[in-house]
Amino acid sequence: MPGLEIHPLGDGEQWEFAFVLAKVRSEGETTWSYRTSAAPNREELLGALTVHVELLRRELVEEWE
């Protein structure tokens, strides 16, 4: 993905796995696609995504209140 930039990790952090969610356009249609740096541990990935969904949900609810 030419030109892709991501936020840097914190001091002392080393990456082990990456999951990239990309909004893509193909033949005039927009959809979502993902790529990983290696085959994912599906249980870990599901846990991480579940936590992120809940945090995002809370942020959105706070914005509406």
Protein backbone atom coordinates (compact mmCIF):
# COMPACT_ATOMS: atom_id res chain seq x y z
CA MET A 1 0.00 0.00 0.00
CA PRO A 2 2.18 2.82 -1.29
CA GLY A 3 2.13 5.92 0.88
CA LEU A 4 0.62 4.13 3.88
CA GLU A 5 1.64 5.76 7.15
CA ILE A 6 0.69 4.63 10.64
CA HIS A 7 1.12 6.14 14.08
CA PRO A 8 4.44 5.17 15.70
CA LEU A 9 4.62 2.74 18.58
CA GLY A 10 5.48 3.98 22.05
CA ASP A 11 9.01 4.05 23.41
CA GLY A 12 10.26 0.54 24.09
CA GLU A 13 7.40 -1.14 22.21
CA GLN A 14 8.20 -3.69 19.50
CA TRP A 15 5.59 -4.91 17.05
CA GLU A 16 4.71 -8.60 16.80
CA PHE A 17 1.65 -8.63 14.54
CA ALA A 18 -0.20 -6.14 12.38
CA PHE A 19 -3.82 -6.07 11.27
CA VAL A 20 -4.63 -3.39 8.71
CA LEU A 21 -8.22 -2.49 7.89
CA ALA A 22 -8.41 -0.58 4.62
CA LYS A 23 -11.28 1.15 2.89
CA VAL A 24 -10.78 0.31 -0.78
CA ARG A 25 -12.35 1.26 -4.09
CA SER A 26 -12.65 -1.17 -6.97
CA GLU A 27 -14.57 -0.65 -10.18
CA GLY A 28 -16.37 2.36 -8.72
CA GLU A 29 -17.51 0.60 -5.53
CA THR A 30 -16.17 1.14 -2.03
CA THR A 31 -15.73 -1.73 0.39
CA TRP A 32 -13.53 -2.85 3.28
CA SER A 33 -10.55 -5.18 3.13
CA TYR A 34 -7.99 -6.32 5.66
CA ARG A 35 -4.45 -7.56 5.54
CA THR A 36 -2.26 -9.11 8.22
CA SER A 37 1.49 -9.38 8.67
CA ALA A 38 1.16 -13.13 9.29
CA ALA A 39 -1.56 -15.68 9.78
CA PRO A 40 -3.47 -14.39 12.82
CA ASN A 41 -4.19 -16.16 16.06
CA ARG A 42 -7.93 -15.83 15.60
CA GLU A 43 -8.75 -15.92 19.31
CA GLU A 44 -6.31 -13.08 20.09
CA LEU A 45 -7.50 -11.07 17.10
CA LEU A 46 -11.16 -11.51 18.07
CA GLY A 47 -10.37 -10.40 21.63
CA ALA A 48 -8.47 -7.31 20.48
CA LEU A 49 -11.18 -6.32 18.01
CA THR A 50 -13.94 -6.90 20.57
CA VAL A 51 -12.22 -4.61 23.07
CA HIS A 52 -11.68 -1.95 20.39
CA VAL A 53 -15.34 -2.13 19.31
CA GLU A 54 -16.49 -1.59 22.90
CA LEU A 55 -14.14 1.37 23.39
CA LEU A 56 -15.32 2.93 20.14
CA ARG A 57 -18.95 2.36 21.10
CA ARG A 58 -18.39 4.15 24.43
CA GLU A 59 -16.69 7.08 22.72
CA LEU A 60 -19.56 7.46 20.26
CA VAL A 61 -22.18 7.29 23.04
CA GLU A 62 -20.29 9.95 25.02
CA GLU A 63 -20.32 12.22 21.97
CA TRP A 64 -24.13 11.93 21.77
CA GLU A 65 -24.69 12.64 25.47
